[in-house]
Structures are given as structure tokens and as C-alpha cells.
Amino acid sequence: MLRVAREQLAAGDDSLQLNAIARLAGVGVGTVYRHFLNRRALWEALSTEHPA
């Protein structure tokens, strides 16, 4: 999910719609919402992750 979100941002789409992230990641929207309660939570996860 984070990879898909990063790809969306790199492509210029900063909307981070959780439904779209779920579809593109091949998971159910409920899975996304279990990890990220909202867009802000997803933004925070992206901003605090450490590159491998």
C-alpha cells in the first residue's frame, strides 16, 4: 500500500484517495482503512518511513 501511495505521489497525484490506493494495491478498502484510518494517517506513514 505504501509503495502504491509513493508511486501515486511520484506520478503527480497527491490526492491519496484510500479507495484508489486499495484498488491499485490489489487489496480491499477495509484492509487500507485497518492500517490507515484516514489520508492524514497515510501521509504520516509515508513521511516517517525509512528507505531500505
N, C-alpha and C. Protein backbone atom coordinates (compact mmCIF):
# COMPACT_ATOMS: atom_id res chain seq x y z
N MET A 1 0.82 -1.18 0.00
CA MET A 1 0.00 0.00 0.00
C MET A 1 0.87 1.25 0.00
N LEU A 2 1.92 1.23 0.81
CA LEU A 2 2.81 2.39 0.83
C LEU A 2 3.52 2.56 -0.51
N ARG A 3 3.91 1.44 -1.13
CA ARG A 3 4.56 1.51 -2.43
C ARG A 3 3.62 2.16 -3.45
N VAL A 4 2.38 1.73 -3.46
CA VAL A 4 1.39 2.31 -4.38
C VAL A 4 1.20 3.79 -4.09
N ALA A 5 1.11 4.15 -2.84
CA ALA A 5 0.95 5.56 -2.48
C ALA A 5 2.15 6.38 -2.94
N ARG A 6 3.36 5.84 -2.75
CA ARG A 6 4.56 6.54 -3.23
C ARG A 6 4.54 6.69 -4.74
N GLU A 7 4.11 5.64 -5.45
CA GLU A 7 4.03 5.71 -6.91
C GLU A 7 3.03 6.76 -7.35
N GLN A 8 1.90 6.84 -6.65
CA GLN A 8 0.90 7.86 -7.00
C GLN A 8 1.45 9.26 -6.79
N LEU A 9 2.15 9.46 -5.71
CA LEU A 9 2.76 10.76 -5.46
C LEU A 9 3.79 11.09 -6.52
N ALA A 10 4.61 10.12 -6.90
CA ALA A 10 5.63 10.34 -7.92
C ALA A 10 5.02 10.67 -9.27
N ALA A 11 3.82 10.16 -9.52
CA ALA A 11 3.13 10.41 -10.78
C ALA A 11 2.39 11.75 -10.75
N GLY A 12 2.47 12.46 -9.62
CA GLY A 12 1.84 13.78 -9.52
C GLY A 12 0.45 13.78 -8.93
N ASP A 13 -0.01 12.62 -8.46
CA ASP A 13 -1.34 12.54 -7.84
C ASP A 13 -1.18 12.57 -6.32
N ASP A 14 -1.43 13.73 -5.73
CA ASP A 14 -1.28 13.84 -4.28
C ASP A 14 -2.61 13.73 -3.54
N SER A 15 -3.64 13.24 -4.22
CA SER A 15 -4.95 13.12 -3.57
C SER A 15 -4.98 11.98 -2.55
N LEU A 16 -4.15 10.96 -2.78
CA LEU A 16 -4.09 9.79 -1.89
C LEU A 16 -5.48 9.31 -1.47
N GLN A 17 -6.31 9.06 -2.44
CA GLN A 17 -7.63 8.52 -2.18
C GLN A 17 -7.48 7.06 -1.73
N LEU A 18 -7.95 6.75 -0.54
CA LEU A 18 -7.74 5.41 0.02
C LEU A 18 -8.41 4.33 -0.82
N ASN A 19 -9.55 4.63 -1.43
CA ASN A 19 -10.20 3.64 -2.30
C ASN A 19 -9.33 3.32 -3.51
N ALA A 20 -8.72 4.34 -4.09
CA ALA A 20 -7.84 4.13 -5.25
C ALA A 20 -6.58 3.37 -4.84
N ILE A 21 -6.03 3.71 -3.69
CA ILE A 21 -4.85 3.00 -3.20
C ILE A 21 -5.17 1.52 -3.04
N ALA A 22 -6.32 1.21 -2.47
CA ALA A 22 -6.73 -0.19 -2.28
C ALA A 22 -6.83 -0.90 -3.63
N ARG A 23 -7.50 -0.28 -4.58
CA ARG A 23 -7.69 -0.90 -5.90
C ARG A 23 -6.34 -1.16 -6.56
N LEU A 24 -5.48 -0.15 -6.58
CA LEU A 24 -4.17 -0.28 -7.23
C LEU A 24 -3.25 -1.28 -6.51
N ALA A 25 -3.42 -1.41 -5.21
CA ALA A 25 -2.60 -2.35 -4.43
C ALA A 25 -3.16 -3.78 -4.48
N GLY A 26 -4.38 -3.92 -5.01
CA GLY A 26 -4.97 -5.24 -5.10
C GLY A 26 -5.48 -5.77 -3.78
N VAL A 27 -5.89 -4.85 -2.90
CA VAL A 27 -6.45 -5.25 -1.61
C VAL A 27 -7.82 -4.61 -1.45
N GLY A 28 -8.56 -5.08 -0.48
CA GLY A 28 -9.85 -4.48 -0.19
C GLY A 28 -9.68 -3.16 0.54
N VAL A 29 -10.66 -2.29 0.37
CA VAL A 29 -10.58 -0.98 1.01
C VAL A 29 -10.54 -1.11 2.53
N GLY A 30 -11.17 -2.15 3.06
CA GLY A 30 -11.14 -2.38 4.51
C GLY A 30 -9.73 -2.61 5.01
N THR A 31 -8.91 -3.27 4.21
CA THR A 31 -7.51 -3.51 4.57
C THR A 31 -6.77 -2.19 4.70
N VAL A 32 -7.00 -1.29 3.75
CA VAL A 32 -6.34 0.02 3.80
C VAL A 32 -6.78 0.76 5.05
N TYR A 33 -8.08 0.78 5.32
CA TYR A 33 -8.59 1.51 6.49
C TYR A 33 -8.16 0.90 7.81
N ARG A 34 -7.86 -0.41 7.83
CA ARG A 34 -7.34 -1.01 9.06
C ARG A 34 -5.93 -0.51 9.37
N HIS A 35 -5.17 -0.21 8.32
CA HIS A 35 -3.81 0.28 8.51
C HIS A 35 -3.74 1.80 8.63
N PHE A 36 -4.62 2.48 7.91
CA PHE A 36 -4.61 3.95 7.87
C PHE A 36 -6.05 4.43 8.05
N LEU A 37 -6.33 5.05 9.18
CA LEU A 37 -7.70 5.47 9.47
C LEU A 37 -8.19 6.54 8.51
N ASN A 38 -7.26 7.30 7.94
CA ASN A 38 -7.63 8.36 7.01
C ASN A 38 -6.41 8.76 6.19
N ARG A 39 -6.60 9.72 5.27
CA ARG A 39 -5.49 10.18 4.43
C ARG A 39 -4.34 10.72 5.26
N ARG A 40 -4.66 11.42 6.33
CA ARG A 40 -3.61 12.00 7.17
C ARG A 40 -2.71 10.90 7.74
N ALA A 41 -3.31 9.81 8.17
CA ALA A 41 -2.53 8.70 8.71
C ALA A 41 -1.62 8.11 7.63
N LEU A 42 -2.11 8.05 6.40
CA LEU A 42 -1.28 7.56 5.30
C LEU A 42 -0.13 8.53 5.03
N TRP A 43 -0.42 9.84 5.00
CA TRP A 43 0.63 10.84 4.81
C TRP A 43 1.69 10.71 5.90
N GLU A 44 1.26 10.53 7.14
CA GLU A 44 2.21 10.40 8.25
C GLU A 44 3.08 9.16 8.10
N ALA A 45 2.47 8.06 7.68
CA ALA A 45 3.25 6.84 7.47
C ALA A 45 4.28 7.04 6.36
N LEU A 46 3.90 7.72 5.31
CA LEU A 46 4.83 7.98 4.22
C LEU A 46 5.97 8.90 4.66
N SER A 47 5.64 9.86 5.49
CA SER A 47 6.66 10.83 5.89
C SER A 47 7.62 10.29 6.95
N THR A 48 7.23 9.24 7.64
CA THR A 48 8.08 8.70 8.70
C THR A 48 8.77 7.40 8.32
N GLU A 49 8.44 6.85 7.15
CA GLU A 49 9.07 5.58 6.79
C GLU A 49 10.54 5.80 6.43
N HIS A 50 11.30 4.78 6.65
CA HIS A 50 12.74 4.83 6.39
C HIS A 50 13.04 4.03 5.14
N PRO A 51 13.70 4.62 4.16
CA PRO A 51 14.03 3.87 2.95
C PRO A 51 14.94 2.69 3.26
N ALA A 52 14.73 1.62 2.53
CA ALA A 52 15.55 0.41 2.76
C ALA A 52 16.88 0.51 2.07
